[in-house]
């Protein structure tokens, strides 16, 4: 080939391009992409944190006004500078080097107050990091901001409390709710205020907000991740975890935060169930040959939204096209009889919260649920829930209602495993929510929260991934996969294969890139 001046210029430009780092794009970036940018010199920790703080400034109280952030961490830039210094000296601190994280307001942090969304706990500095927060800091992460939550994690439907005026808004339609209680983490992560957000799930509070904001949310096996340092709602079901934009990021976060913790006895057996690498499960062909059962009992009710049902049926078709054998329907035998026998159940909120506050001692401005009620420093919408908790004296493992609940959960676990074993099923599948996100203030439209039974009551893991959009392609909907205990590697494999083949997630238009 004759090398003309034009050809020479093109070849020189191509060579320069091959040698130069790819310009870093903040929006929708992943943990792996951030680490690559640090290694190739196209990014510093300070510049990354500054850019995320700029997005919070532009879109949280201004612009789209998501109201997802309680406060930015005043030490975030100082931490970034320290991480840059350490990187220059010896390379990355760990696998989360300078990964900005939103911290749900029920996780203790040494550098920001922990309030659980309540004025009753305003300014509470416990002097410690929650186990999960410490694990992430040790791996190099930056706690960039506090995210908003439903007060005391009560509501699975909306994110409103007494510590921050107003509702947190869904970035895909700011007139709609985020779900709860981790709505601030989900809205902020979807809007690219950080790489991921810490969340907690007692009934549906990781998976619901993830589904409403086109995110990935994993409720892990009970005992895989410590809840120490997280304000409790119900320790028989509370799970600590995260919402992310990709399955790969969920795997990376889980690798850091999973493990035993003496401060949380539920995690005693976790060490035996953590693989060398969750990332090793991420295979594009992960659905090939998988057997998945459609669990209609989880979602198929008279109020099931037609759009959600249509999107879900399309997702089931996608699973089949990707090589999965889908068995439709499957059924947990005797479920209705089990639920009737359960009776009134067990309200252990007062028991768990009072023990938590007692452990904090003088670090807590309130010392009991009774103190909180007497203070009147809470959102009026939760008064009945607080008073109901105070009126009961349930003790886990002792009270009749708690014993009946535990018996129900044992029976449900056995029935789900029997179903999965008999059908040789790898997972059960259903929509994460049966209805789209409600309009803010709407208490009449069916909420659609259908994930509070199977995963919380069994303690088995479940993951949600984006499966498409309802209402003319505008409102996100999530696909949920439920597995056997300790089957996180398998669930991650199935979810990753689906995600990589469909790419349903797209960023919300309400929070565009900054100039």
Protein backbone atom coordinates (compact mmCIF):
# COMPACT_ATOMS: atom_id res chain seq x y z
CA UNK A 1 0.00 0.00 0.00
CA UNK A 2 1.31 3.45 -0.94
CA UNK A 3 1.74 5.59 2.18
CA UNK A 4 0.30 8.97 1.25
CA UNK A 5 0.41 11.90 3.66
CA UNK A 6 -3.30 11.35 4.42
CA UNK A 7 -2.81 7.63 5.14
CA UNK A 8 0.24 8.42 7.27
CA UNK A 9 -1.78 10.91 9.30
CA UNK A 10 -4.58 8.39 9.82
CA UNK A 11 -2.11 5.70 10.90
CA UNK A 12 -0.39 8.11 13.28
CA UNK A 13 -3.73 9.11 14.80
CA UNK A 14 -4.71 5.45 15.19
CA UNK A 15 -1.41 4.67 16.90
CA UNK A 16 -1.81 7.61 19.25
CA UNK A 17 -5.39 6.56 20.01
CA UNK A 18 -4.27 3.02 20.80
CA UNK A 19 -1.65 4.35 23.19
CA UNK A 20 -3.83 6.97 24.88
CA UNK A 21 -6.24 6.12 27.70
CA UNK A 22 -9.91 6.01 26.73
CA UNK A 23 -11.61 9.14 28.11
CA UNK A 24 -13.36 8.24 31.36
CA UNK A 25 -17.16 8.51 31.34
CA UNK A 26 -18.73 8.87 34.76
CA UNK A 27 -22.32 7.98 33.95
CA UNK A 28 -23.09 4.24 34.23
CA UNK A 29 -19.46 3.44 35.03
CA UNK A 30 -18.63 0.21 36.85
CA UNK A 31 -16.18 -0.75 39.57
CA UNK A 32 -13.95 -2.48 37.02
CA UNK A 33 -13.94 0.54 34.70
CA UNK A 34 -12.97 2.84 37.56
CA UNK A 35 -10.07 0.61 38.54
CA UNK A 36 -8.90 0.50 34.91
CA UNK A 37 -9.00 4.30 34.73
CA UNK A 38 -6.86 4.58 37.87
CA UNK A 39 -4.31 2.15 36.45
CA UNK A 40 -4.02 3.87 33.08
CA UNK A 41 -3.69 7.31 34.68
CA UNK A 42 -6.84 8.81 33.17
CA UNK A 43 -8.47 9.34 36.58
CA UNK A 44 -7.61 10.41 40.09
CA UNK A 45 -9.66 9.72 43.18
CA UNK A 46 -10.17 13.42 43.84
CA UNK A 47 -11.48 14.09 40.33
CA UNK A 48 -13.85 11.12 40.56
CA UNK A 49 -15.28 12.18 43.91
CA UNK A 50 -15.58 15.79 42.75
CA UNK A 51 -17.58 14.72 39.72
CA UNK A 52 -19.98 12.64 41.77
CA UNK A 53 -20.42 15.48 44.27
CA UNK A 54 -21.15 17.80 41.35
CA UNK A 55 -23.91 15.46 40.15
CA UNK A 56 -25.43 15.36 43.63
CA UNK A 57 -25.34 19.17 43.75
CA UNK A 58 -26.92 19.47 40.31
CA UNK A 59 -29.67 16.87 40.55
CA UNK A 60 -30.57 16.14 44.18
CA UNK A 61 -31.95 19.40 45.57
CA UNK A 62 -31.89 21.21 42.22
CA UNK A 63 -32.67 20.05 38.70
CA UNK A 64 -34.61 16.80 39.00
CA UNK A 65 -34.75 17.42 42.79
CA UNK A 66 -34.65 13.72 43.66
CA UNK A 67 -34.19 14.40 47.39
CA UNK A 68 -32.23 11.15 47.70
CA UNK A 69 -29.36 12.53 49.79
CA UNK A 70 -29.48 13.45 53.48
CA UNK A 71 -25.96 14.89 53.47
CA UNK A 72 -22.70 14.71 51.56
CA UNK A 73 -19.77 13.43 53.59
CA UNK A 74 -17.71 16.48 54.62
CA UNK A 75 -14.59 14.27 54.65
CA UNK A 76 -15.09 12.81 51.16
CA UNK A 77 -12.49 14.95 49.40
CA UNK A 78 -10.00 14.58 52.23
CA UNK A 79 -10.40 10.81 51.95
CA UNK A 80 -9.95 11.04 48.17
CA UNK A 81 -6.70 12.96 48.55
CA UNK A 82 -5.41 10.37 50.99
CA UNK A 83 -6.29 7.55 48.59
CA UNK A 84 -4.48 9.35 45.76
CA UNK A 85 -1.40 9.67 47.95
CA UNK A 86 -1.50 6.00 48.86
CA UNK A 87 -2.04 5.02 45.22
CA UNK A 88 1.07 6.97 44.19
CA UNK A 89 3.08 5.23 46.89
CA UNK A 90 1.96 1.62 46.53
CA UNK A 91 -0.98 1.26 44.15
CA UNK A 92 -4.64 0.53 44.92
CA UNK A 93 -5.63 0.16 48.57
CA UNK A 94 -7.92 -2.73 47.66
CA UNK A 95 -10.56 -3.96 45.20
CA UNK A 96 -12.81 -0.98 46.01
CA UNK A 97 -10.09 1.67 45.66
CA UNK A 98 -11.89 5.04 45.58
CA UNK A 99 -15.29 3.56 44.71
CA UNK A 100 -17.85 6.16 45.90
CA UNK A 101 -20.68 4.63 47.93
CA UNK A 102 -24.03 5.97 49.14
CA UNK A 103 -24.68 4.89 52.73
CA UNK A 104 -28.27 4.24 53.76
CA UNK A 105 -29.12 6.22 56.88
CA UNK A 106 -29.48 3.14 59.09
CA UNK A 107 -25.80 2.10 58.71
CA UNK A 108 -23.46 3.44 61.38
CA UNK A 109 -20.53 5.47 60.07
CA UNK A 110 -17.73 7.06 62.03
CA UNK A 111 -17.87 10.27 59.98
CA UNK A 112 -21.62 10.97 59.53
CA UNK A 113 -24.65 10.83 61.86
CA UNK A 114 -26.88 7.76 61.77
CA UNK A 115 -30.57 8.59 62.20
CA UNK A 116 -32.64 5.80 60.55
CA UNK A 117 -34.54 8.69 58.97
CA UNK A 118 -35.89 9.91 62.31
CA UNK A 119 -35.63 13.25 64.09
CA UNK A 120 -35.61 11.22 67.28
CA UNK A 121 -32.06 10.09 66.43
CA UNK A 122 -30.88 13.35 64.85
CA UNK A 123 -27.14 13.88 65.18
CA UNK A 124 -26.46 10.39 66.52
CA UNK A 125 -22.73 9.65 66.23
CA UNK A 126 -22.02 6.12 67.38
CA UNK A 127 -18.23 6.39 67.05
CA UNK A 128 -18.06 3.27 64.88
CA UNK A 129 -18.58 1.93 61.38
CA UNK A 130 -21.07 -0.82 60.66
CA UNK A 131 -19.34 -4.10 59.78
CA UNK A 132 -20.20 -3.67 56.08
CA UNK A 133 -19.01 -0.05 56.02
CA UNK A 134 -15.69 -1.01 57.64
CA UNK A 135 -15.19 -3.85 55.16
CA UNK A 136 -15.72 -1.45 52.26
CA UNK A 137 -13.47 1.26 53.74
CA UNK A 138 -10.72 -1.29 54.29
CA UNK A 139 -11.07 -2.25 50.62
CA UNK A 140 -10.61 1.41 49.61
CA UNK A 141 -14.18 2.67 49.16
CA UNK A 142 -15.28 6.26 49.84
CA UNK A 143 -18.49 6.84 51.79
CA UNK A 144 -19.51 9.83 49.70
CA UNK A 145 -22.95 10.64 51.13
CA UNK A 146 -25.84 9.59 53.34
CA UNK A 147 -28.88 8.37 51.39
CA UNK A 148 -32.47 8.86 52.45
CA UNK A 149 -34.69 6.05 53.72
CA UNK A 150 -38.20 5.36 54.94
CA UNK A 151 -38.22 6.16 58.65
CA UNK A 152 -37.02 3.17 60.70
CA UNK A 153 -37.28 1.21 57.42
CA UNK A 154 -41.02 0.76 57.93
CA UNK A 155 -42.41 1.46 54.46
CA UNK A 156 -41.73 -0.76 51.43
CA UNK A 157 -43.72 1.59 49.20
CA UNK A 158 -42.29 5.10 49.56
CA UNK A 159 -39.33 7.01 50.99
CA UNK A 160 -40.45 9.70 53.40
CA UNK A 161 -39.32 10.44 56.96
CA UNK A 162 -38.85 13.15 59.55
CA UNK A 163 -35.12 13.83 59.11
CA UNK A 164 -35.38 15.19 55.55
CA UNK A 165 -38.41 17.18 54.34
CA UNK A 166 -40.33 15.75 51.41
CA UNK A 167 -40.37 12.52 49.44
CA UNK A 168 -37.49 10.93 47.59
CA UNK A 169 -38.43 10.89 43.90
CA UNK A 170 -38.00 8.24 41.24
CA UNK A 171 -35.56 9.54 38.59
CA UNK A 172 -37.45 7.72 35.82
CA UNK A 173 -40.55 9.76 36.65
CA UNK A 174 -40.12 12.29 39.42
CA UNK A 175 -43.85 12.26 40.15
CA UNK A 176 -43.52 8.65 41.33
CA UNK A 177 -42.22 6.81 44.38
CA UNK A 178 -38.92 5.00 44.72
CA UNK A 179 -40.35 2.13 46.82
CA UNK A 180 -38.82 1.71 50.27
CA UNK A 181 -37.11 1.63 52.52
CA UNK A 182 -33.84 1.96 50.57
CA UNK A 183 -35.31 4.45 48.13
CA UNK A 184 -32.57 7.05 48.58
CA UNK A 185 -29.80 4.57 47.78
CA UNK A 186 -31.72 3.31 44.75
CA UNK A 187 -32.66 6.72 43.34
CA UNK A 188 -29.12 8.00 43.88
CA UNK A 189 -27.48 4.96 42.32
CA UNK A 190 -29.82 5.05 39.33
CA UNK A 191 -29.03 8.75 38.87
CA UNK A 192 -25.27 8.10 39.07
CA UNK A 193 -24.67 9.90 42.37
CA UNK A 194 -22.26 7.06 43.29
CA UNK A 195 -21.19 3.68 41.98
CA UNK A 196 -23.58 1.81 44.28
CA UNK A 197 -25.66 2.30 47.40
CA UNK A 198 -25.82 0.39 50.65
CA UNK A 199 -29.30 -0.89 51.40
CA UNK A 200 -31.12 -3.20 53.77
CA UNK A 201 -33.96 -5.64 53.19
CA UNK A 202 -36.37 -6.89 55.85
CA UNK A 203 -39.32 -7.50 53.54
CA UNK A 204 -38.44 -6.08 50.13
CA UNK A 205 -36.28 -3.01 50.72
CA UNK A 206 -33.31 -3.96 48.53
CA UNK A 207 -35.24 -5.64 45.74
CA UNK A 208 -38.24 -3.29 45.56
CA UNK A 209 -36.26 -0.05 45.12
CA UNK A 210 -33.90 -1.85 42.71
CA UNK A 211 -36.85 -2.90 40.55
CA UNK A 212 -38.40 0.58 40.60
CA UNK A 213 -35.10 2.17 39.48
CA UNK A 214 -33.79 -0.39 36.92
CA UNK A 215 -31.08 -1.68 39.24
CA UNK A 216 -29.69 -4.98 40.46
CA UNK A 217 -30.50 -5.91 44.05
CA UNK A 218 -29.49 -9.05 45.92
CA UNK A 219 -31.09 -10.18 49.15
CA UNK A 220 -28.45 -12.71 50.23
CA UNK A 221 -28.87 -15.85 52.30
CA UNK A 222 -29.58 -15.05 55.95
CA UNK A 223 -26.20 -15.18 57.69
CA UNK A 224 -23.97 -14.43 54.70
CA UNK A 225 -23.54 -10.70 55.51
CA UNK A 226 -23.37 -9.14 58.98
CA UNK A 227 -26.03 -6.68 60.15
CA UNK A 228 -23.87 -5.39 63.03
CA UNK A 229 -24.02 -1.60 63.16
CA UNK A 230 -27.28 -1.37 61.20
CA UNK A 231 -30.34 -0.01 63.04
CA UNK A 232 -32.63 -3.07 63.25
CA UNK A 233 -36.21 -3.41 62.12
CA UNK A 234 -36.61 -7.16 62.63
CA UNK A 235 -33.45 -9.20 63.10
CA UNK A 236 -35.22 -12.41 62.17
CA UNK A 237 -35.41 -11.06 58.61
CA UNK A 238 -33.04 -8.04 58.31
CA UNK A 239 -30.41 -8.34 55.57
CA UNK A 240 -27.57 -5.88 54.78
CA UNK A 241 -26.59 -5.45 51.15
CA UNK A 242 -26.44 -3.09 48.20
CA UNK A 243 -28.15 -1.85 45.06
CA UNK A 244 -25.96 -1.60 41.95
CA UNK A 245 -26.27 -0.87 38.25
CA UNK A 246 -24.76 -4.20 37.12
CA UNK A 247 -24.63 -7.81 38.21
CA UNK A 248 -20.82 -7.71 38.06
CA UNK A 249 -20.78 -4.88 40.59
CA UNK A 250 -23.15 -6.82 42.85
CA UNK A 251 -20.70 -9.75 42.75
CA UNK A 252 -17.75 -7.45 43.51
CA UNK A 253 -19.51 -5.85 46.49
CA UNK A 254 -20.60 -9.22 47.86
CA UNK A 255 -17.02 -10.48 47.70
CA UNK A 256 -15.98 -7.68 50.06
CA UNK A 257 -18.87 -7.65 52.53
CA UNK A 258 -19.70 -11.36 52.93
CA UNK A 259 -18.26 -13.23 55.87
CA UNK A 260 -18.59 -14.12 59.54
CA UNK A 261 -18.74 -11.46 62.25
CA UNK A 262 -18.72 -12.28 65.98
CA UNK A 263 -21.00 -9.29 66.55
CA UNK A 264 -23.74 -10.99 64.46
CA UNK A 265 -24.20 -14.62 65.55
CA UNK A 266 -26.33 -15.33 62.45
CA UNK A 267 -23.14 -15.23 60.36
CA UNK A 268 -21.39 -18.06 62.21
CA UNK A 269 -21.54 -20.44 59.24
CA UNK A 270 -20.88 -17.87 56.50
CA UNK A 271 -17.20 -18.74 56.12
CA UNK A 272 -18.06 -22.18 54.72
CA UNK A 273 -20.22 -20.72 51.94
CA UNK A 274 -18.08 -17.99 50.35
CA UNK A 275 -16.43 -18.94 47.04
CA UNK A 276 -12.94 -17.82 46.13
CA UNK A 277 -14.52 -15.56 43.51
CA UNK A 278 -18.13 -14.61 42.96
CA UNK A 279 -16.98 -13.03 39.69
CA UNK A 280 -16.03 -16.47 38.41
CA UNK A 281 -19.75 -17.26 38.20
CA UNK A 282 -20.42 -14.48 35.70
CA UNK A 283 -20.87 -16.29 32.42
CA UNK A 284 -22.69 -14.99 29.36
CA UNK A 285 -24.01 -18.51 28.68
CA UNK A 286 -25.10 -19.00 32.28
CA UNK A 287 -28.75 -19.67 31.41
CA UNK A 288 -27.97 -22.51 29.02
CA UNK A 289 -29.50 -25.68 30.44
CA UNK A 290 -30.85 -23.98 33.57
CA UNK A 291 -34.23 -25.14 34.89
CA UNK A 292 -36.38 -22.29 36.18
CA UNK A 293 -39.92 -22.49 37.60
CA UNK A 294 -42.48 -19.69 37.30
CA UNK A 295 -43.91 -19.18 40.81
CA UNK A 296 -47.37 -17.70 40.23
CA UNK A 297 -48.08 -17.74 43.98
CA UNK A 298 -45.58 -14.91 44.34
CA UNK A 299 -47.28 -12.42 42.05
CA UNK A 300 -50.40 -13.60 40.25
CA UNK A 301 -53.17 -11.77 42.12
CA UNK A 302 -56.34 -9.92 41.03
CA UNK A 303 -54.42 -6.61 41.22
CA UNK A 304 -51.55 -7.77 38.96
CA UNK A 305 -50.89 -4.93 36.52
CA UNK A 306 -51.36 -5.85 32.86
CA UNK A 307 -48.22 -4.03 31.74
CA UNK A 308 -46.09 -5.77 34.36
CA UNK A 309 -47.56 -9.13 33.40
CA UNK A 310 -46.83 -8.49 29.71
CA UNK A 311 -43.24 -7.43 30.40
CA UNK A 312 -42.75 -10.48 32.62
CA UNK A 313 -44.12 -12.85 29.97
CA UNK A 314 -41.67 -11.28 27.55
CA UNK A 315 -38.85 -11.83 30.04
CA UNK A 316 -39.83 -15.50 30.40
CA UNK A 317 -39.56 -15.78 26.62
CA UNK A 318 -36.10 -14.21 26.81
CA UNK A 319 -35.05 -16.78 29.41
CA UNK A 320 -36.16 -19.57 27.08
CA UNK A 321 -34.36 -18.01 24.12
CA UNK A 322 -31.18 -17.92 26.20
CA UNK A 323 -31.29 -21.67 26.74
CA UNK A 324 -33.23 -22.03 29.99
CA UNK A 325 -35.92 -24.63 30.40
CA UNK A 326 -38.83 -22.75 31.95
CA UNK A 327 -41.45 -24.77 33.80
CA UNK A 328 -44.70 -22.80 34.03
CA UNK A 329 -46.39 -23.01 36.46
CA UNK A 330 -44.84 -24.46 39.61
CA UNK A 331 -46.47 -24.38 43.04
CA UNK A 332 -45.43 -24.55 46.70
CA UNK A 333 -47.72 -27.23 48.10
CA UNK A 334 -49.92 -26.33 51.07
CA UNK A 335 -48.96 -22.65 51.13
CA UNK A 336 -52.40 -21.33 52.04
CA UNK A 337 -52.80 -23.79 54.91
CA UNK A 338 -49.36 -22.85 56.24
CA UNK A 339 -50.18 -19.16 56.18
CA UNK A 340 -53.51 -19.64 57.96
CA UNK A 341 -51.83 -21.66 60.70
CA UNK A 342 -49.25 -18.91 61.27
CA UNK A 343 -51.79 -16.68 63.03
CA UNK A 344 -50.94 -13.19 64.24
CA UNK A 345 -47.17 -13.53 63.99
CA UNK A 346 -44.39 -11.86 65.95
CA UNK A 347 -43.63 -8.14 66.33
CA UNK A 348 -40.05 -7.96 67.62
CA UNK A 349 -39.32 -4.35 66.61
CA UNK A 350 -39.35 -3.08 70.21
CA UNK A 351 -37.25 -6.00 71.41
CA UNK A 352 -34.57 -5.52 68.72
CA UNK A 353 -34.52 -1.71 68.78
CA UNK A 354 -34.31 -1.46 72.57
CA UNK A 355 -31.37 -3.89 72.67
CA UNK A 356 -29.64 -1.90 69.91
CA UNK A 357 -30.11 1.42 71.70
CA UNK A 358 -28.97 -0.08 75.00
CA UNK A 359 -25.73 -1.22 73.34
CA UNK A 360 -25.06 2.35 72.18
CA UNK A 361 -25.56 3.79 75.66
CA UNK A 362 -24.84 7.51 75.79
CA UNK A 363 -24.05 7.60 72.06
CA UNK A 364 -27.82 7.39 71.41
CA UNK A 365 -30.10 10.39 72.08
CA UNK A 366 -32.96 7.97 72.81
CA UNK A 367 -32.70 4.83 74.94
CA UNK A 368 -35.91 3.00 74.09
CA UNK A 369 -38.87 2.88 71.73
CA UNK A 370 -40.92 4.43 74.53
CA UNK A 371 -38.54 7.42 74.59
CA UNK A 372 -38.95 7.84 70.84
CA UNK A 373 -42.75 7.84 71.06
CA UNK A 374 -42.72 10.33 73.93
CA UNK A 375 -40.40 12.64 71.98
CA UNK A 376 -42.95 13.06 69.16
CA UNK A 377 -39.94 13.50 66.86
CA UNK A 378 -41.08 11.30 63.97
CA UNK A 379 -43.23 11.51 60.84
CA UNK A 380 -46.96 11.29 61.65
CA UNK A 381 -47.39 8.44 59.15
CA UNK A 382 -45.47 6.01 61.40
CA UNK A 383 -47.12 6.84 64.72
CA UNK A 384 -49.49 3.86 64.61
CA UNK A 385 -46.62 1.53 63.71
CA UNK A 386 -44.49 2.80 66.60
CA UNK A 387 -47.33 2.51 69.08
CA UNK A 388 -48.19 -0.98 67.86
CA UNK A 389 -44.60 -2.02 68.44
CA UNK A 390 -44.58 -0.53 71.94
CA UNK A 391 -47.82 -2.30 72.82
CA UNK A 392 -46.36 -5.75 72.26
CA UNK A 393 -43.87 -7.65 74.36
CA UNK A 394 -42.92 -10.34 71.87
CA UNK A 395 -39.61 -12.06 72.55
CA UNK A 396 -38.07 -14.08 69.71
CA UNK A 397 -37.96 -17.78 70.49
CA UNK A 398 -40.30 -17.42 73.48
CA UNK A 399 -43.59 -15.67 72.70
CA UNK A 400 -46.35 -17.87 71.23
CA UNK A 401 -46.65 -15.70 68.11
CA UNK A 402 -42.90 -15.83 67.53
CA UNK A 403 -42.87 -19.62 67.94
CA UNK A 404 -45.73 -19.95 65.42
CA UNK A 405 -43.85 -17.68 63.02
CA UNK A 406 -40.72 -19.79 63.33
CA UNK A 407 -42.72 -22.97 62.75
CA UNK A 408 -44.27 -21.43 59.63
CA UNK A 409 -40.86 -20.48 58.32
CA UNK A 410 -39.51 -23.99 58.90
CA UNK A 411 -42.44 -25.47 57.01
CA UNK A 412 -42.12 -22.95 54.19
CA UNK A 413 -38.40 -23.62 53.81
CA UNK A 414 -39.04 -27.34 53.57
CA UNK A 415 -41.88 -26.87 51.07
CA UNK A 416 -39.83 -24.61 48.79
CA UNK A 417 -36.90 -27.03 48.83
CA UNK A 418 -39.24 -29.93 48.13
CA UNK A 419 -40.62 -28.08 45.11
CA UNK A 420 -37.16 -27.22 43.79
CA UNK A 421 -35.77 -30.70 44.41
CA UNK A 422 -38.73 -32.49 42.84
CA UNK A 423 -38.53 -30.33 39.73
CA UNK A 424 -34.73 -30.24 39.68
CA UNK A 425 -35.06 -26.45 39.57
CA UNK A 426 -32.13 -24.04 39.74
CA UNK A 427 -34.33 -21.08 40.65
CA UNK A 428 -37.89 -19.79 40.90
CA UNK A 429 -38.83 -16.66 38.94
CA UNK A 430 -41.49 -13.96 39.26
CA UNK A 431 -41.85 -10.16 38.82
CA UNK A 432 -40.24 -8.27 41.70
CA UNK A 433 -43.30 -6.01 41.92
CA UNK A 434 -46.77 -6.73 40.54
CA UNK A 435 -47.44 -3.05 39.78
CA UNK A 436 -45.48 -0.04 38.48
CA UNK A 437 -44.23 2.69 40.85
CA UNK A 438 -47.13 4.60 42.35
CA UNK A 439 -47.63 8.33 42.04
CA UNK A 440 -46.32 10.11 45.12
CA UNK A 441 -49.19 10.55 47.58
CA UNK A 442 -51.34 7.86 45.93
CA UNK A 443 -52.55 5.46 48.62
CA UNK A 444 -55.33 3.87 46.56
CA UNK A 445 -53.64 2.32 43.51
CA UNK A 446 -52.44 -1.23 44.23
CA UNK A 447 -48.89 -1.05 45.57
CA UNK A 448 -47.75 -4.29 43.98
CA UNK A 449 -45.19 -5.24 46.63
CA UNK A 450 -45.11 -9.02 46.25
CA UNK A 451 -41.65 -9.94 47.56
CA UNK A 452 -42.15 -9.98 51.34
CA UNK A 453 -43.05 -13.66 51.64
CA UNK A 454 -40.72 -16.16 50.03
CA UNK A 455 -37.17 -14.84 50.40
CA UNK A 456 -37.56 -13.13 53.81
CA UNK A 457 -39.53 -15.99 55.37
CA UNK A 458 -37.23 -18.74 54.12
CA UNK A 459 -33.98 -16.83 54.49
CA UNK A 460 -33.12 -17.97 50.95
CA UNK A 461 -31.38 -15.59 48.51
CA UNK A 462 -33.16 -13.68 45.75
CA UNK A 463 -31.85 -11.30 43.11
CA UNK A 464 -33.69 -8.77 40.95
CA UNK A 465 -32.49 -7.47 37.57
CA UNK A 466 -34.13 -5.06 35.12
CA UNK A 467 -36.56 -6.85 32.78
CA UNK A 468 -37.98 -3.89 30.86
CA UNK A 469 -40.36 -0.97 31.27
CA UNK A 470 -44.10 -0.40 31.59
CA UNK A 471 -46.31 2.58 30.72
CA UNK A 472 -44.99 3.11 27.22
CA UNK A 473 -41.43 2.14 28.07
CA UNK A 474 -41.00 4.66 30.91
CA UNK A 475 -41.29 2.90 34.30
CA UNK A 476 -38.80 0.15 35.23
CA UNK A 477 -39.83 -3.37 36.17
CA UNK A 478 -37.69 -6.09 37.76
CA UNK A 479 -37.29 -9.83 37.26
CA UNK A 480 -36.66 -11.79 40.48
CA UNK A 481 -34.86 -15.13 40.83
CA UNK A 482 -35.13 -17.06 44.11
CA UNK A 483 -32.64 -19.82 44.90
CA UNK A 484 -31.64 -22.37 47.50
CA UNK A 485 -29.66 -21.24 50.57
CA UNK A 486 -26.08 -20.21 49.79
CA UNK A 487 -26.77 -20.32 46.03
CA UNK A 488 -25.54 -16.76 45.37
CA UNK A 489 -22.98 -17.93 42.76
CA UNK A 490 -25.74 -19.65 40.77
CA UNK A 491 -28.15 -16.71 41.04
CA UNK A 492 -25.40 -14.32 39.94
CA UNK A 493 -24.66 -16.57 36.97
CA UNK A 494 -28.30 -16.68 35.86
CA UNK A 495 -28.85 -12.95 36.41
CA UNK A 496 -25.62 -12.01 34.61
CA UNK A 497 -26.49 -14.09 31.55
CA UNK A 498 -29.92 -12.45 31.37
CA UNK A 499 -28.52 -8.95 31.90
CA UNK A 500 -25.79 -9.30 29.29
CA UNK A 501 -28.17 -10.63 26.66
CA UNK A 502 -30.94 -8.08 27.19
CA UNK A 503 -29.31 -4.86 28.48
CA UNK A 504 -32.65 -3.55 29.70
CA UNK A 505 -31.14 -0.91 31.97
CA UNK A 506 -30.71 2.61 30.66
CA UNK A 507 -30.01 5.73 32.74
CA UNK A 508 -32.92 8.04 33.61
CA UNK A 509 -33.43 11.07 31.37
CA UNK A 510 -34.16 13.32 34.36
CA UNK A 511 -30.50 13.32 35.46
CA UNK A 512 -28.41 13.77 32.29
CA UNK A 513 -24.62 14.12 32.18
CA UNK A 514 -23.24 17.45 33.35
CA UNK A 515 -21.45 19.69 30.90
